[in-house]
């Protein structure tokens, strides 16, 4: 089972690797994790490639099962797809569609299978929401859940 400390990076790496048949969809730096200090990185990517995928911190963690010194939980983790329409469509931009990016992210995460069945990622009940569609930016938030473990660290 994934740990709460590793799940965000695992999601980033899984998306960056791409889904089935899409292993070259994302370039290095297209997918990042955000812990609250990534604004400049996001803006830089939107200005250079025209899009960015941001794996956010878990926004909720619900306990599913308890045992001494460990809790098995279900974490909700948002993934933001942001597209700068002007830069993206330029000759130096990525030239991707926002729904194509949404699909590529979903394909990668839903297709992931770890060492055990609980390692899989699933969509929440609301899979995606359009959060902004203005003259320069189109952005979706995709809602995923993952089983994670919160545990006391033991010295072994």
N, C-alpha and C. Protein backbone atom coordinates (compact mmCIF):
# COMPACT_ATOMS: atom_id res chain seq x y z
N UNK A 1 0.85 -1.17 0.00
CA UNK A 1 0.00 0.00 0.00
C UNK A 1 0.90 1.24 0.00
N UNK A 2 0.46 2.27 -0.68
CA UNK A 2 1.21 3.51 -0.75
C UNK A 2 1.25 4.21 0.61
N UNK A 3 2.32 4.92 0.87
CA UNK A 3 2.37 5.72 2.08
C UNK A 3 1.89 7.14 1.75
N UNK A 4 1.44 7.84 2.73
CA UNK A 4 0.98 9.21 2.53
C UNK A 4 2.12 10.09 2.02
N UNK A 5 3.35 9.80 2.43
CA UNK A 5 4.49 10.62 2.01
C UNK A 5 4.93 10.35 0.58
N UNK A 6 4.60 9.19 0.04
CA UNK A 6 5.07 8.82 -1.30
C UNK A 6 4.02 8.95 -2.40
N UNK A 7 2.75 9.08 -2.05
CA UNK A 7 1.69 8.99 -3.06
C UNK A 7 1.73 10.13 -4.08
N UNK A 8 2.04 11.33 -3.65
CA UNK A 8 2.07 12.47 -4.56
C UNK A 8 3.17 12.29 -5.62
N UNK A 9 4.35 11.89 -5.21
CA UNK A 9 5.43 11.65 -6.16
C UNK A 9 5.14 10.48 -7.07
N UNK A 10 4.51 9.43 -6.55
CA UNK A 10 4.14 8.28 -7.37
C UNK A 10 3.15 8.70 -8.46
N UNK A 11 2.18 9.53 -8.10
CA UNK A 11 1.22 10.01 -9.09
C UNK A 11 1.92 10.84 -10.16
N UNK A 12 2.82 11.73 -9.76
CA UNK A 12 3.57 12.54 -10.72
C UNK A 12 4.34 11.65 -11.69
N UNK A 13 5.07 10.69 -11.16
CA UNK A 13 5.88 9.82 -11.99
C UNK A 13 5.02 8.96 -12.92
N UNK A 14 3.88 8.50 -12.43
CA UNK A 14 2.98 7.68 -13.24
C UNK A 14 2.40 8.48 -14.39
N UNK A 15 1.98 9.71 -14.13
CA UNK A 15 1.44 10.57 -15.19
C UNK A 15 2.53 10.88 -16.21
N UNK A 16 3.71 11.26 -15.72
CA UNK A 16 4.81 11.62 -16.62
C UNK A 16 5.21 10.46 -17.52
N UNK A 17 5.11 9.23 -17.02
CA UNK A 17 5.44 8.05 -17.82
C UNK A 17 4.42 7.82 -18.93
N UNK A 18 3.20 8.33 -18.75
CA UNK A 18 2.16 8.19 -19.76
C UNK A 18 1.38 6.91 -19.63
N UNK A 19 0.24 6.90 -20.29
CA UNK A 19 -0.61 5.72 -20.29
C UNK A 19 -0.19 4.77 -21.40
N UNK A 20 -1.01 3.77 -21.62
CA UNK A 20 -0.74 2.78 -22.66
C UNK A 20 -0.68 3.47 -24.02
N UNK A 21 0.42 3.31 -24.71
CA UNK A 21 0.58 3.90 -26.04
C UNK A 21 0.87 5.39 -26.03
N UNK A 22 1.04 5.98 -24.85
CA UNK A 22 1.25 7.43 -24.75
C UNK A 22 2.53 7.75 -23.98
N UNK A 23 3.53 6.92 -24.08
CA UNK A 23 4.72 7.09 -23.25
C UNK A 23 5.51 8.34 -23.58
N UNK A 24 5.27 8.97 -24.72
CA UNK A 24 5.99 10.20 -25.05
C UNK A 24 5.06 11.42 -25.06
N UNK A 25 3.90 11.30 -24.44
CA UNK A 25 2.92 12.40 -24.43
C UNK A 25 3.44 13.59 -23.63
N UNK A 26 4.05 13.31 -22.48
CA UNK A 26 4.56 14.37 -21.62
C UNK A 26 6.07 14.46 -21.74
N UNK A 27 6.59 15.68 -21.71
CA UNK A 27 8.03 15.90 -21.70
C UNK A 27 8.46 16.13 -20.26
N UNK A 28 9.77 16.08 -20.04
CA UNK A 28 10.33 16.33 -18.72
C UNK A 28 9.90 17.72 -18.24
N UNK A 29 9.28 17.79 -17.10
CA UNK A 29 8.86 19.07 -16.52
C UNK A 29 7.40 19.41 -16.77
N UNK A 30 6.69 18.65 -17.62
CA UNK A 30 5.27 18.92 -17.86
C UNK A 30 4.41 18.59 -16.65
N UNK A 31 4.87 17.63 -15.83
CA UNK A 31 4.10 17.17 -14.67
C UNK A 31 4.92 17.45 -13.42
N UNK A 32 4.31 18.19 -12.49
CA UNK A 32 5.02 18.55 -11.27
C UNK A 32 4.16 18.26 -10.04
N UNK A 33 4.80 18.19 -8.89
CA UNK A 33 4.07 18.13 -7.63
C UNK A 33 4.12 19.51 -7.00
N UNK A 34 3.06 19.85 -6.30
CA UNK A 34 3.01 21.15 -5.65
C UNK A 34 2.79 20.97 -4.17
N UNK A 35 3.67 21.55 -3.38
CA UNK A 35 3.52 21.54 -1.93
C UNK A 35 3.30 22.96 -1.41
N UNK A 36 2.95 23.84 -2.32
CA UNK A 36 2.66 25.22 -1.94
C UNK A 36 3.69 26.22 -2.42
N UNK A 37 4.76 25.76 -3.03
CA UNK A 37 5.81 26.69 -3.45
C UNK A 37 6.19 26.51 -4.93
N UNK A 38 5.24 26.10 -5.73
CA UNK A 38 5.55 25.79 -7.13
C UNK A 38 4.98 26.80 -8.13
N UNK A 39 4.51 27.92 -7.65
CA UNK A 39 3.87 28.89 -8.54
C UNK A 39 4.78 29.32 -9.70
N UNK A 40 6.05 29.62 -9.41
CA UNK A 40 6.98 30.04 -10.46
C UNK A 40 7.21 28.93 -11.48
N UNK A 41 7.32 27.70 -11.03
CA UNK A 41 7.51 26.56 -11.93
C UNK A 41 6.30 26.40 -12.84
N UNK A 42 5.11 26.52 -12.27
CA UNK A 42 3.87 26.40 -13.05
C UNK A 42 3.81 27.50 -14.09
N UNK A 43 4.04 28.73 -13.67
CA UNK A 43 3.99 29.87 -14.60
C UNK A 43 5.03 29.73 -15.70
N UNK A 44 6.21 29.26 -15.37
CA UNK A 44 7.27 29.06 -16.36
C UNK A 44 6.83 28.04 -17.41
N UNK A 45 6.22 26.95 -16.97
CA UNK A 45 5.78 25.90 -17.89
C UNK A 45 4.64 26.41 -18.77
N UNK A 46 3.73 27.18 -18.19
CA UNK A 46 2.62 27.74 -18.97
C UNK A 46 3.13 28.74 -20.01
N UNK A 47 4.22 29.42 -19.69
CA UNK A 47 4.80 30.40 -20.61
C UNK A 47 5.66 29.76 -21.70
N UNK A 48 6.23 28.58 -21.42
CA UNK A 48 7.12 27.96 -22.40
C UNK A 48 6.43 26.89 -23.26
N UNK A 49 5.70 25.97 -22.63
CA UNK A 49 5.04 24.89 -23.36
C UNK A 49 3.55 25.14 -23.57
N UNK A 50 2.97 25.96 -22.71
CA UNK A 50 1.55 26.26 -22.83
C UNK A 50 0.65 25.39 -21.99
N UNK A 51 1.22 24.45 -21.25
CA UNK A 51 0.40 23.66 -20.34
C UNK A 51 1.25 23.08 -19.22
N UNK A 52 0.55 22.67 -18.17
CA UNK A 52 1.22 22.08 -17.01
C UNK A 52 0.21 21.18 -16.30
N UNK A 53 0.68 20.06 -15.80
CA UNK A 53 -0.12 19.17 -14.96
C UNK A 53 0.47 19.23 -13.56
N UNK A 54 -0.38 19.53 -12.59
CA UNK A 54 0.08 19.73 -11.22
C UNK A 54 -0.62 18.73 -10.30
N UNK A 55 0.18 17.88 -9.67
CA UNK A 55 -0.34 16.94 -8.67
C UNK A 55 -0.27 17.66 -7.33
N UNK A 56 -1.42 17.88 -6.75
CA UNK A 56 -1.52 18.64 -5.51
C UNK A 56 -1.37 17.71 -4.30
N UNK A 57 -1.25 18.31 -3.15
CA UNK A 57 -1.25 17.56 -1.89
C UNK A 57 -2.62 16.94 -1.66
N UNK A 58 -2.70 15.82 -0.94
CA UNK A 58 -4.01 15.27 -0.60
C UNK A 58 -4.85 16.33 0.13
N UNK A 59 -6.12 16.44 -0.26
CA UNK A 59 -7.00 17.43 0.38
C UNK A 59 -7.85 16.83 1.48
N UNK A 60 -7.99 15.50 1.47
CA UNK A 60 -8.65 14.83 2.58
C UNK A 60 -8.12 13.41 2.69
N UNK A 61 -8.10 12.92 3.91
CA UNK A 61 -7.63 11.56 4.18
C UNK A 61 -8.61 10.95 5.18
N UNK A 62 -9.37 9.95 4.72
CA UNK A 62 -10.39 9.32 5.56
C UNK A 62 -9.91 7.94 6.00
N UNK A 63 -10.04 7.66 7.28
CA UNK A 63 -9.63 6.36 7.82
C UNK A 63 -10.62 5.29 7.38
N UNK A 64 -10.06 4.20 6.84
CA UNK A 64 -10.87 3.06 6.41
C UNK A 64 -10.74 1.90 7.40
N UNK A 65 -9.55 1.74 7.97
CA UNK A 65 -9.30 0.64 8.89
C UNK A 65 -8.20 1.06 9.86
N UNK A 66 -8.32 0.60 11.10
CA UNK A 66 -7.34 0.94 12.13
C UNK A 66 -6.74 -0.32 12.72
N UNK A 67 -5.49 -0.20 13.10
CA UNK A 67 -4.81 -1.25 13.86
C UNK A 67 -3.81 -0.53 14.75
N UNK A 68 -3.23 -1.21 15.72
CA UNK A 68 -2.24 -0.53 16.56
C UNK A 68 -1.12 0.08 15.70
N UNK A 69 -0.90 1.36 15.85
CA UNK A 69 0.19 2.12 15.22
C UNK A 69 0.04 2.30 13.72
N UNK A 70 -1.11 1.98 13.13
CA UNK A 70 -1.28 2.16 11.69
C UNK A 70 -2.75 2.43 11.36
N UNK A 71 -2.96 3.29 10.37
CA UNK A 71 -4.30 3.53 9.83
C UNK A 71 -4.24 3.39 8.32
N UNK A 72 -5.15 2.59 7.78
CA UNK A 72 -5.30 2.50 6.33
C UNK A 72 -6.36 3.50 5.94
N UNK A 73 -6.02 4.37 4.98
CA UNK A 73 -6.87 5.51 4.67
C UNK A 73 -7.15 5.60 3.18
N UNK A 74 -8.15 6.39 2.85
CA UNK A 74 -8.47 6.72 1.48
C UNK A 74 -8.22 8.22 1.33
N UNK A 75 -7.25 8.57 0.50
CA UNK A 75 -6.88 9.98 0.31
C UNK A 75 -7.47 10.51 -1.00
N UNK A 76 -7.97 11.74 -0.96
CA UNK A 76 -8.43 12.43 -2.16
C UNK A 76 -7.33 13.38 -2.59
N UNK A 77 -6.89 13.22 -3.85
CA UNK A 77 -5.76 14.00 -4.36
C UNK A 77 -6.17 14.67 -5.67
N UNK A 78 -6.19 16.00 -5.70
CA UNK A 78 -6.54 16.69 -6.94
C UNK A 78 -5.34 16.78 -7.88
N UNK A 79 -5.61 16.68 -9.17
CA UNK A 79 -4.61 16.87 -10.21
C UNK A 79 -5.14 17.99 -11.10
N UNK A 80 -4.36 19.06 -11.23
CA UNK A 80 -4.78 20.22 -12.01
C UNK A 80 -4.17 20.16 -13.40
N UNK A 81 -5.00 20.36 -14.40
CA UNK A 81 -4.55 20.48 -15.78
C UNK A 81 -4.77 21.93 -16.17
N UNK A 82 -3.67 22.64 -16.49
CA UNK A 82 -3.76 24.05 -16.85
C UNK A 82 -3.22 24.24 -18.25
N UNK A 83 -3.95 25.00 -19.06
CA UNK A 83 -3.56 25.21 -20.45
C UNK A 83 -3.62 26.69 -20.79
N UNK A 84 -2.47 27.24 -21.20
CA UNK A 84 -2.38 28.61 -21.70
C UNK A 84 -2.67 28.52 -23.19
N UNK A 85 -3.85 28.93 -23.60
CA UNK A 85 -4.31 28.70 -24.98
C UNK A 85 -3.42 29.36 -26.02
N UNK A 86 -2.94 30.56 -25.75
CA UNK A 86 -2.13 31.27 -26.73
C UNK A 86 -0.77 30.60 -26.95
N UNK A 87 -0.07 30.30 -25.87
CA UNK A 87 1.26 29.68 -25.97
C UNK A 87 1.13 28.26 -26.51
N UNK A 88 0.16 27.50 -26.00
CA UNK A 88 -0.03 26.11 -26.42
C UNK A 88 -0.23 25.99 -27.93
N UNK A 89 -0.97 26.91 -28.52
CA UNK A 89 -1.28 26.81 -29.95
C UNK A 89 -0.20 27.41 -30.84
N UNK A 90 0.80 28.05 -30.25
CA UNK A 90 1.88 28.65 -31.06
C UNK A 90 2.81 27.56 -31.58
N UNK A 91 3.67 27.92 -32.52
CA UNK A 91 4.59 26.93 -33.11
C UNK A 91 5.58 26.38 -32.08
N UNK A 92 5.86 27.11 -31.02
CA UNK A 92 6.77 26.62 -29.99
C UNK A 92 6.03 25.94 -28.83
N UNK A 93 4.70 25.97 -28.87
CA UNK A 93 3.90 25.37 -27.81
C UNK A 93 3.70 23.89 -27.99
N UNK A 94 3.06 23.27 -27.02
CA UNK A 94 2.84 21.83 -27.02
C UNK A 94 1.79 21.39 -28.04
N UNK A 95 0.89 22.29 -28.37
CA UNK A 95 -0.19 22.05 -29.33
C UNK A 95 -1.03 20.83 -28.93
N UNK A 96 -1.47 20.83 -27.69
CA UNK A 96 -2.32 19.77 -27.15
C UNK A 96 -3.69 20.36 -26.84
N UNK A 97 -4.69 19.51 -26.77
CA UNK A 97 -6.02 19.96 -26.36
C UNK A 97 -6.18 19.70 -24.87
N UNK A 98 -6.95 20.53 -24.21
CA UNK A 98 -7.12 20.37 -22.77
C UNK A 98 -7.78 19.04 -22.45
N UNK A 99 -8.77 18.63 -23.24
CA UNK A 99 -9.42 17.34 -22.98
C UNK A 99 -8.51 16.17 -23.32
N UNK A 100 -7.61 16.36 -24.27
CA UNK A 100 -6.60 15.33 -24.54
C UNK A 100 -5.66 15.15 -23.36
N UNK A 101 -5.30 16.25 -22.72
CA UNK A 101 -4.43 16.18 -21.54
C UNK A 101 -5.18 15.50 -20.38
N UNK A 102 -6.45 15.89 -20.19
CA UNK A 102 -7.28 15.28 -19.15
C UNK A 102 -7.34 13.76 -19.37
N UNK A 103 -7.54 13.36 -20.62
CA UNK A 103 -7.63 11.95 -20.95
C UNK A 103 -6.29 11.24 -20.71
N UNK A 104 -5.18 11.88 -21.09
CA UNK A 104 -3.86 11.27 -20.90
C UNK A 104 -3.54 11.08 -19.42
N UNK A 105 -3.89 12.06 -18.59
CA UNK A 105 -3.67 11.95 -17.14
C UNK A 105 -4.51 10.81 -16.58
N UNK A 106 -5.78 10.77 -16.96
CA UNK A 106 -6.68 9.71 -16.47
C UNK A 106 -6.20 8.34 -16.92
N UNK A 107 -5.80 8.23 -18.18
CA UNK A 107 -5.31 6.96 -18.71
C UNK A 107 -4.10 6.46 -17.93
N UNK A 108 -3.18 7.35 -17.65
CA UNK A 108 -1.97 6.96 -16.93
C UNK A 108 -2.30 6.49 -15.51
N UNK A 109 -3.09 7.27 -14.79
CA UNK A 109 -3.37 6.93 -13.39
C UNK A 109 -4.30 5.72 -13.26
N UNK A 110 -5.32 5.66 -14.09
CA UNK A 110 -6.26 4.53 -14.00
C UNK A 110 -5.63 3.24 -14.49
N UNK A 111 -4.60 3.34 -15.31
CA UNK A 111 -3.91 2.16 -15.82
C UNK A 111 -2.78 1.67 -14.93
N UNK A 112 -2.47 2.42 -13.89
CA UNK A 112 -1.37 2.05 -13.00
C UNK A 112 -1.76 0.84 -12.16
N UNK A 113 -0.85 -0.11 -12.04
CA UNK A 113 -1.06 -1.22 -11.11
C UNK A 113 0.24 -1.46 -10.37
N UNK A 114 0.15 -1.35 -9.10
CA UNK A 114 1.34 -1.52 -8.26
C UNK A 114 1.50 -2.96 -7.83
N UNK A 115 2.16 -3.12 -6.72
CA UNK A 115 2.44 -4.46 -6.21
C UNK A 115 1.20 -5.16 -5.67
N UNK A 116 0.19 -4.37 -5.35
CA UNK A 116 -1.00 -4.96 -4.74
C UNK A 116 -2.22 -4.19 -5.21
N UNK A 117 -3.37 -4.80 -5.15
CA UNK A 117 -4.60 -4.21 -5.69
C UNK A 117 -4.93 -2.87 -5.04
N UNK A 118 -4.50 -2.66 -3.81
CA UNK A 118 -4.81 -1.40 -3.14
C UNK A 118 -3.95 -0.24 -3.63
N UNK A 119 -2.93 -0.53 -4.45
CA UNK A 119 -2.07 0.54 -4.98
C UNK A 119 -2.71 1.31 -6.13
N UNK A 120 -3.80 0.83 -6.67
CA UNK A 120 -4.42 1.46 -7.84
C UNK A 120 -5.00 2.83 -7.49
N UNK A 121 -5.09 3.66 -8.52
CA UNK A 121 -5.74 4.97 -8.39
C UNK A 121 -7.13 4.88 -9.00
N UNK A 122 -8.07 5.59 -8.40
CA UNK A 122 -9.44 5.62 -8.90
C UNK A 122 -9.90 7.07 -8.97
N UNK A 123 -10.89 7.33 -9.84
CA UNK A 123 -11.52 8.64 -9.83
C UNK A 123 -12.45 8.73 -8.62
N UNK A 124 -12.59 9.92 -8.10
CA UNK A 124 -13.63 10.18 -7.10
C UNK A 124 -14.97 10.18 -7.84
N UNK A 125 -16.07 10.39 -7.11
CA UNK A 125 -17.39 10.40 -7.75
C UNK A 125 -17.49 11.47 -8.84
N UNK A 126 -16.91 12.63 -8.58
CA UNK A 126 -16.77 13.65 -9.62
C UNK A 126 -15.36 13.49 -10.16
N UNK A 127 -15.26 13.05 -11.41
CA UNK A 127 -13.94 12.76 -11.99
C UNK A 127 -13.19 14.03 -12.36
N UNK A 128 -13.90 15.03 -12.90
CA UNK A 128 -13.23 16.25 -13.36
C UNK A 128 -14.20 17.42 -13.31
N UNK A 129 -13.63 18.60 -13.08
CA UNK A 129 -14.42 19.83 -13.07
C UNK A 129 -13.66 20.92 -13.81
N UNK A 130 -14.36 21.64 -14.68
CA UNK A 130 -13.79 22.82 -15.31
C UNK A 130 -13.78 23.91 -14.24
N UNK A 131 -12.60 24.45 -13.94
CA UNK A 131 -12.53 25.46 -12.88
C UNK A 131 -12.29 26.86 -13.42
N UNK A 132 -11.77 26.97 -14.63
CA UNK A 132 -11.66 28.29 -15.25
C UNK A 132 -11.56 28.14 -16.75
N UNK A 133 -12.22 29.03 -17.43
CA UNK A 133 -12.18 29.07 -18.89
C UNK A 133 -12.26 30.54 -19.27
N UNK A 134 -11.11 31.22 -19.15
CA UNK A 134 -11.09 32.64 -19.49
C UNK A 134 -10.31 32.83 -20.80
N UNK A 135 -10.06 34.05 -21.16
CA UNK A 135 -9.42 34.35 -22.44
C UNK A 135 -8.04 33.72 -22.58
N UNK A 136 -7.36 33.45 -21.49
CA UNK A 136 -6.01 32.94 -21.62
C UNK A 136 -5.74 31.60 -20.99
N UNK A 137 -6.62 31.15 -20.09
CA UNK A 137 -6.34 29.93 -19.33
C UNK A 137 -7.58 29.03 -19.29
N UNK A 138 -7.37 27.77 -19.60
CA UNK A 138 -8.40 26.74 -19.41
C UNK A 138 -7.83 25.78 -18.37
N UNK A 139 -8.59 25.50 -17.33
CA UNK A 139 -8.08 24.65 -16.26
C UNK A 139 -9.16 23.69 -15.77
N UNK A 140 -8.74 22.45 -15.60
CA UNK A 140 -9.58 21.42 -15.02
C UNK A 140 -8.91 20.92 -13.75
N UNK A 141 -9.74 20.48 -12.81
CA UNK A 141 -9.22 19.72 -11.67
C UNK A 141 -9.80 18.33 -11.80
N UNK A 142 -8.92 17.34 -11.73
CA UNK A 142 -9.31 15.94 -11.77
C UNK A 142 -9.20 15.40 -10.35
N UNK A 143 -10.20 14.67 -9.93
CA UNK A 143 -10.23 14.17 -8.55
C UNK A 143 -9.95 12.67 -8.52
N UNK A 144 -8.89 12.30 -7.84
CA UNK A 144 -8.50 10.90 -7.70
C UNK A 144 -8.48 10.52 -6.24
N UNK A 145 -8.60 9.22 -6.01
CA UNK A 145 -8.42 8.71 -4.65
C UNK A 145 -7.44 7.56 -4.69
N UNK A 146 -6.75 7.40 -3.58
CA UNK A 146 -5.75 6.35 -3.46
C UNK A 146 -5.75 5.84 -2.03
N UNK A 147 -5.55 4.54 -1.88
CA UNK A 147 -5.38 3.98 -0.55
C UNK A 147 -3.97 4.33 -0.08
N UNK A 148 -3.88 4.83 1.12
CA UNK A 148 -2.57 5.19 1.71
C UNK A 148 -2.55 4.68 3.15
N UNK A 149 -1.35 4.59 3.66
CA UNK A 149 -1.18 4.16 5.03
C UNK A 149 -0.54 5.29 5.83
N UNK A 150 -1.05 5.51 6.99
CA UNK A 150 -0.44 6.42 7.98
C UNK A 150 0.02 5.52 9.10
N UNK A 151 1.31 5.53 9.40
CA UNK A 151 1.83 4.57 10.37
C UNK A 151 2.88 5.20 11.25
N UNK A 152 2.95 4.69 12.46
CA UNK A 152 4.04 5.03 13.34
C UNK A 152 5.31 4.41 12.77
N UNK A 153 6.38 5.14 12.80
CA UNK A 153 7.65 4.61 12.29
C UNK A 153 8.29 3.75 13.38
N UNK A 154 8.65 2.55 12.99
CA UNK A 154 9.28 1.62 13.90
C UNK A 154 10.75 1.50 13.59
N UNK A 155 11.56 1.33 14.61
CA UNK A 155 12.99 1.03 14.41
C UNK A 155 13.12 -0.49 14.39
N UNK A 156 13.55 -1.03 13.23
CA UNK A 156 13.69 -2.47 13.14
C UNK A 156 15.10 -2.86 12.82
